[in-house]
Amino acid sequence: MCGVVGLLLKDPSLEPELGALLAPMIEALSDRGPDSSGIALYSGTGDDGCRRVSLASDEEVPWPAVCAGMVERFALVARPLPSGALLEVPEERSDQVGAYLAGHWPAVRTVATGRSVVVVKDTGRPEDTARAMGLAEWGGYLAVAHTRMATESAVTLLHSHPFVPAPDLCVVHNGSFSNYASVRRSLQSRGVCFDSDNDSEVAARLLAERLGAGDDLEEATRWIMKELDGFFTLVITSADGMSVVRDAFACKPAVVAETDRYVAVASEYRALAHLPDIGNADVFEPQPEEVYTWTH
């Protein structure tokens, strides 16, 4: 049992409140996933020539020292976070920065890249992670988050969702896949690399492979339903919007609330109850195997 939430803002006046709206959604679902959590937030236009790089590690890392070294060597923006760091890397320096991190901080892993997305992950109760990162103060236009109760792999930071298999592409999953090991081996034989042994990452990597082959999001998502056996609710986000899909039996709960100001999805309605004008929202359960997509 895990919890998934997503929030896409249609009304720009709500963007300064993105984190404040998201934090109660995460807290409401903490009991569904008290082991660990991950939060992805999208902001900005993505046209400043920089790539956002979210760093994390399953080992103890002196994040202020990592950031200080990056600033000194590359004169870039580096911000320590409670369980990681955020870099803003000019595109032309991406390879240099990656090589420096590999050589000087081998325990540090890149958990997300993109023009718009920032990802924070941590173990422990999700509301503690939200509080430690000051989530209520973050703005943006789109967010997705996950509260995890581990069933298929270890409880570590790097096993936490969301998985980011391509720039600005995030996947969170409630459920389990029974044949993920064989699909993983097939992907590895085609050169796909993994950061964890989590079954959910297999779905994320398969999705990214299909998108890279030219599928649109709905086609790529249908490949997940074709190749992977199991029960799931998936929330998928990119810089352009958010999608939700459930398995053929709709075993894993999900509810959507849509108004002219936002679209929100969560594993349970109680995570949506505080949202603005929720009483007048169009509230519904996504139908089995139907891909719902909303664009920014």
Protein backbone atom coordinates (compact mmCIF):
# COMPACT_ATOMS: atom_id res chain seq x y z
CA MET A 1 0.00 0.00 0.00
CA CYS A 2 1.42 3.37 -1.08
CA GLY A 3 0.01 6.83 -1.66
CA VAL A 4 0.26 8.89 -4.85
CA VAL A 5 -0.69 12.52 -5.35
CA GLY A 6 -0.48 14.91 -8.27
CA LEU A 7 -1.46 18.55 -8.64
CA LEU A 8 -1.54 20.53 -11.88
CA LEU A 9 -2.40 24.22 -11.58
CA LYS A 10 -4.35 25.84 -14.41
CA ASP A 11 -4.63 29.21 -12.65
CA PRO A 12 -1.25 31.03 -12.53
CA SER A 13 -2.38 32.94 -9.43
CA LEU A 14 -2.18 29.66 -7.48
CA GLU A 15 1.43 28.95 -8.43
CA PRO A 16 2.99 30.60 -5.33
CA GLU A 17 0.79 28.24 -3.27
CA LEU A 18 1.78 24.97 -4.95
CA GLY A 19 3.82 23.67 -2.01
CA ALA A 20 1.28 24.85 0.54
CA LEU A 21 -1.47 22.99 -1.32
CA LEU A 22 0.65 19.87 -1.79
CA ALA A 23 1.87 19.48 1.80
CA PRO A 24 -1.55 18.53 3.28
CA MET A 25 -2.07 16.08 0.43
CA ILE A 26 1.12 14.26 1.40
CA GLU A 27 0.36 14.38 5.11
CA ALA A 28 -3.11 12.90 4.56
CA LEU A 29 -1.58 9.85 2.89
CA SER A 30 1.37 9.34 5.24
CA ASP A 31 -0.18 6.26 6.81
CA ARG A 32 -0.39 4.66 3.37
CA GLY A 33 3.38 5.03 3.01
CA PRO A 34 5.34 5.77 6.19
CA ASP A 35 8.62 4.22 5.00
CA SER A 36 9.85 6.96 2.65
CA SER A 37 8.70 9.60 0.22
CA GLY A 38 9.59 11.62 -2.83
CA ILE A 39 8.36 14.97 -4.11
CA ALA A 40 8.79 16.48 -7.57
CA LEU A 41 7.95 20.11 -8.30
CA TYR A 42 7.92 21.86 -11.67
CA SER A 43 8.43 25.59 -12.05
CA GLY A 44 9.79 28.16 -14.46
CA THR A 45 9.77 28.24 -18.23
CA GLY A 46 12.79 26.01 -18.75
CA ASP A 47 14.35 28.41 -21.25
CA ASP A 48 17.24 29.78 -19.16
CA GLY A 49 19.82 27.46 -20.72
CA CYS A 50 20.37 25.56 -17.46
CA ARG A 51 19.60 22.01 -16.45
CA ARG A 52 18.35 21.36 -12.94
CA VAL A 53 20.13 18.40 -11.38
CA SER A 54 18.70 16.83 -8.21
CA LEU A 55 21.24 14.86 -6.16
CA ALA A 56 20.77 12.31 -3.38
CA SER A 57 22.57 9.40 -1.74
CA ASP A 58 21.95 6.38 0.48
CA GLU A 59 25.17 7.24 2.33
CA GLU A 60 26.02 10.13 4.61
CA VAL A 61 27.13 13.02 2.41
CA PRO A 62 28.17 16.54 3.54
CA TRP A 63 25.85 18.34 1.16
CA PRO A 64 27.01 21.89 2.02
CA ALA A 65 30.57 20.82 1.14
CA VAL A 66 29.40 19.26 -2.13
CA CYS A 67 27.62 22.48 -3.05
CA ALA A 68 30.57 24.65 -2.02
CA GLY A 69 32.86 22.61 -4.26
CA MET A 70 30.51 22.93 -7.21
CA VAL A 71 30.24 26.69 -6.76
CA GLU A 72 34.00 27.11 -6.47
CA ARG A 73 34.89 24.93 -9.43
CA PHE A 74 32.08 25.72 -11.85
CA ALA A 75 30.57 29.01 -10.60
CA LEU A 76 27.07 27.55 -10.78
CA VAL A 77 24.05 27.74 -8.50
CA ALA A 78 24.10 24.95 -5.89
CA ARG A 79 21.63 24.57 -3.04
CA PRO A 80 21.89 21.98 -0.26
CA LEU A 81 18.67 20.25 0.74
CA PRO A 82 17.99 18.17 3.86
CA SER A 83 18.68 14.89 2.06
CA GLY A 84 20.44 16.03 -1.11
CA ALA A 85 21.24 19.03 -3.24
CA LEU A 86 19.99 20.95 -6.25
CA LEU A 87 22.32 22.22 -8.97
CA GLU A 88 21.56 24.56 -11.84
CA VAL A 89 24.03 23.50 -14.51
CA PRO A 90 24.59 25.29 -17.84
CA GLU A 91 23.96 22.77 -20.61
CA GLU A 92 27.50 23.10 -21.96
CA ARG A 93 28.93 22.07 -18.58
CA SER A 94 26.73 19.05 -17.89
CA ASP A 95 29.39 16.48 -18.80
CA GLN A 96 32.08 18.27 -16.79
CA VAL A 97 29.87 18.45 -13.71
CA GLY A 98 28.93 14.78 -14.02
CA ALA A 99 32.58 13.75 -14.28
CA TYR A 100 33.52 15.88 -11.27
CA LEU A 101 30.80 14.35 -9.12
CA ALA A 102 31.78 10.82 -10.14
CA GLY A 103 35.41 11.47 -9.30
CA HIS A 104 35.05 13.44 -6.05
CA TRP A 105 31.72 12.25 -4.61
CA PRO A 106 31.13 8.69 -5.86
CA ALA A 107 28.33 8.08 -3.34
CA VAL A 108 26.27 10.92 -4.83
CA ARG A 109 23.63 9.93 -7.35
CA THR A 110 21.65 12.03 -9.79
CA VAL A 111 17.98 11.26 -9.12
CA ALA A 112 16.48 13.77 -11.56
CA THR A 113 17.41 16.14 -14.35
CA GLY A 114 15.37 18.54 -16.41
CA ARG A 115 14.70 22.12 -17.34
CA SER A 116 11.75 22.43 -14.94
CA VAL A 117 11.75 19.68 -12.29
CA VAL A 118 13.28 19.44 -8.82
CA VAL A 119 13.08 16.14 -6.91
CA VAL A 120 13.56 15.60 -3.18
CA LYS A 121 13.57 12.10 -1.66
CA ASP A 122 14.07 10.81 1.86
CA THR A 123 13.33 7.90 4.15
CA GLY A 124 11.05 8.29 7.16
CA ARG A 125 7.58 9.71 7.42
CA PRO A 126 6.54 11.85 4.44
CA GLU A 127 5.27 14.76 6.52
CA ASP A 128 8.73 15.02 8.12
CA THR A 129 10.33 15.25 4.68
CA ALA A 130 7.87 17.96 3.62
CA ARG A 131 8.58 19.92 6.79
CA ALA A 132 12.37 19.56 6.54
CA MET A 133 12.46 20.85 2.95
CA GLY A 134 10.08 23.71 3.70
CA LEU A 135 7.64 22.42 1.09
CA ALA A 136 4.94 24.93 2.01
CA GLU A 137 7.19 27.74 0.73
CA TRP A 138 7.81 26.21 -2.71
CA GLY A 139 6.00 27.49 -5.78
CA GLY A 140 5.43 26.12 -9.25
CA TYR A 141 2.76 24.90 -11.62
CA LEU A 142 2.87 21.10 -11.21
CA ALA A 143 3.82 18.57 -8.56
CA VAL A 144 3.72 14.83 -8.02
CA ALA A 145 4.55 12.98 -4.83
CA HIS A 146 4.65 9.47 -3.40
CA THR A 147 4.41 7.98 0.08
CA ARG A 148 5.89 4.48 0.16
CA MET A 149 5.16 1.27 2.01
CA ALA A 150 7.81 -1.04 0.58
CA THR A 151 6.72 -4.43 -0.79
CA GLU A 152 9.17 -5.27 -3.58
CA SER A 153 12.52 -3.78 -2.55
CA ALA A 154 14.52 -2.17 0.24
CA VAL A 155 13.58 0.98 2.14
CA THR A 156 16.27 3.40 1.01
CA LEU A 157 16.28 6.88 -0.41
CA LEU A 158 17.23 5.66 -3.89
CA HIS A 159 14.38 3.15 -3.90
CA SER A 160 11.88 5.96 -3.26
CA HIS A 161 9.61 7.35 -5.97
CA PRO A 162 9.34 9.34 -8.17
CA PHE A 163 11.59 7.70 -10.72
CA VAL A 164 12.87 10.10 -13.36
CA PRO A 165 13.95 8.01 -16.36
CA ALA A 166 14.30 10.98 -18.73
CA PRO A 167 14.59 14.75 -18.32
CA ASP A 168 11.48 16.23 -16.66
CA LEU A 169 9.67 12.85 -16.79
CA CYS A 170 8.47 11.54 -13.40
CA VAL A 171 6.62 8.33 -12.56
CA VAL A 172 5.00 7.34 -9.26
CA HIS A 173 3.26 4.03 -8.68
CA ASN A 174 0.89 2.47 -6.20
CA GLY A 175 0.75 -1.30 -6.63
CA SER A 176 3.07 -4.08 -7.71
CA PHE A 177 4.22 -5.83 -10.87
CA SER A 178 4.67 -9.60 -10.82
CA ASN A 179 6.89 -10.00 -13.91
CA TYR A 180 9.11 -6.96 -13.47
CA ALA A 181 12.31 -9.05 -13.20
CA SER A 182 11.96 -10.50 -16.70
CA VAL A 183 11.03 -7.11 -18.19
CA ARG A 184 14.01 -5.58 -16.40
CA ARG A 185 16.36 -8.16 -17.91
CA SER A 186 14.94 -7.46 -21.35
CA LEU A 187 15.50 -3.71 -20.92
CA GLN A 188 19.03 -4.27 -19.63
CA SER A 189 19.82 -6.39 -22.68
CA ARG A 190 18.94 -3.32 -24.74
CA GLY A 191 21.32 -1.12 -22.74
CA VAL A 192 18.89 0.42 -20.23
CA CYS A 193 20.50 1.16 -16.84
CA PHE A 194 18.76 1.09 -13.46
CA ASP A 195 19.29 2.95 -10.18
CA SER A 196 17.44 0.45 -7.95
CA ASP A 197 15.81 -2.98 -7.97
CA ASN A 198 12.37 -1.44 -7.43
CA ASP A 199 9.62 -2.90 -9.64
CA SER A 200 8.23 0.59 -10.21
CA GLU A 201 11.47 1.74 -11.83
CA VAL A 202 10.99 -0.96 -14.48
CA ALA A 203 7.72 0.68 -15.53
CA ALA A 204 9.41 4.09 -15.61
CA ARG A 205 12.30 2.86 -17.75
CA LEU A 206 9.96 1.07 -20.14
CA LEU A 207 7.90 4.22 -20.49
CA ALA A 208 11.01 6.29 -21.27
CA GLU A 209 12.22 3.75 -23.82
CA ARG A 210 8.91 3.86 -25.68
CA LEU A 211 8.80 7.66 -25.61
CA GLY A 212 12.35 7.71 -26.94
CA ALA A 213 11.26 5.41 -29.77
CA GLY A 214 8.66 7.96 -30.85
CA ASP A 215 5.49 6.89 -29.04
CA ASP A 216 3.27 9.56 -27.61
CA LEU A 217 2.45 9.35 -23.91
CA GLU A 218 -0.74 7.33 -24.35
CA GLU A 219 0.96 4.82 -26.64
CA ALA A 220 3.93 4.49 -24.28
CA THR A 221 1.65 4.01 -21.29
CA ARG A 222 -0.24 1.27 -23.09
CA TRP A 223 3.06 -0.55 -23.54
CA ILE A 224 3.34 -0.68 -19.75
CA MET A 225 -0.10 -2.29 -19.59
CA LYS A 226 0.92 -4.73 -22.32
CA GLU A 227 4.32 -5.75 -20.96
CA LEU A 228 3.87 -5.64 -17.19
CA ASP A 229 1.51 -7.83 -15.19
CA GLY A 230 0.13 -6.48 -11.96
CA PHE A 231 -2.10 -4.02 -10.20
CA PHE A 232 -1.33 -0.33 -10.36
CA THR A 233 -2.23 3.29 -10.36
CA LEU A 234 0.40 5.33 -12.18
CA VAL A 235 0.75 9.11 -12.14
CA ILE A 236 3.10 10.41 -14.83
CA THR A 237 4.27 14.00 -15.15
CA SER A 238 6.36 15.97 -17.60
CA ALA A 239 7.07 19.64 -18.10
CA ASP A 240 3.92 19.72 -20.25
CA GLY A 241 1.37 18.09 -17.97
CA MET A 242 0.12 15.08 -16.01
CA SER A 243 -1.37 11.67 -16.82
CA VAL A 244 -3.10 9.01 -14.72
CA VAL A 245 -3.80 5.36 -15.57
CA ARG A 246 -5.07 2.34 -13.63
CA ASP A 247 -4.82 -1.38 -14.39
CA ALA A 248 -7.56 -3.45 -16.02
CA PHE A 249 -9.20 -4.32 -12.69
CA ALA A 250 -8.73 -0.87 -11.08
CA CYS A 251 -7.62 -2.58 -7.86
CA LYS A 252 -5.57 0.34 -6.61
CA PRO A 253 -7.60 3.36 -5.55
CA ALA A 254 -7.47 6.75 -7.23
CA VAL A 255 -9.68 9.81 -7.31
CA VAL A 256 -9.47 12.93 -9.48
CA ALA A 257 -10.83 16.40 -8.73
CA GLU A 258 -10.93 18.96 -11.54
CA THR A 259 -11.93 22.61 -11.51
CA ASP A 260 -11.15 25.51 -13.82
CA ARG A 261 -8.18 26.29 -11.52
CA TYR A 262 -6.50 22.90 -11.04
CA VAL A 263 -6.51 19.14 -11.57
CA ALA A 264 -5.62 16.98 -8.57
CA VAL A 265 -5.27 13.23 -8.18
CA ALA A 266 -4.74 11.18 -5.04
CA SER A 267 -5.10 7.67 -3.71
CA GLU A 268 -7.86 8.85 -1.35
CA TYR A 269 -10.33 11.73 -1.38
CA ARG A 270 -9.22 12.93 2.07
CA ALA A 271 -6.01 14.17 0.43
CA LEU A 272 -8.09 16.52 -1.74
CA ALA A 273 -10.58 17.79 0.82
CA HIS A 274 -8.66 21.00 1.63
CA LEU A 275 -8.23 22.19 -1.97
CA PRO A 276 -9.86 25.47 -3.06
CA ASP A 277 -13.52 25.19 -4.03
CA ILE A 278 -13.37 21.39 -3.79
CA GLY A 279 -17.12 21.33 -3.19
CA ASN A 280 -17.71 22.44 -6.78
CA ALA A 281 -15.06 20.23 -8.37
CA ASP A 282 -15.78 17.48 -10.86
CA VAL A 283 -14.74 14.47 -8.76
CA PHE A 284 -14.44 10.99 -10.31
CA GLU A 285 -12.56 7.72 -10.21
CA PRO A 286 -10.39 7.03 -13.28
CA GLN A 287 -11.76 4.11 -15.29
CA PRO A 288 -9.68 0.94 -15.83
CA GLU A 289 -7.04 1.10 -18.56
CA GLU A 290 -8.07 4.60 -19.64
CA VAL A 291 -5.22 7.10 -19.92
CA TYR A 292 -6.25 10.53 -18.62
CA THR A 293 -4.03 13.44 -19.63
CA TRP A 294 -4.07 17.12 -18.75
CA THR A 295 -1.68 19.65 -20.26
CA HIS A 296 -0.18 22.77 -18.80
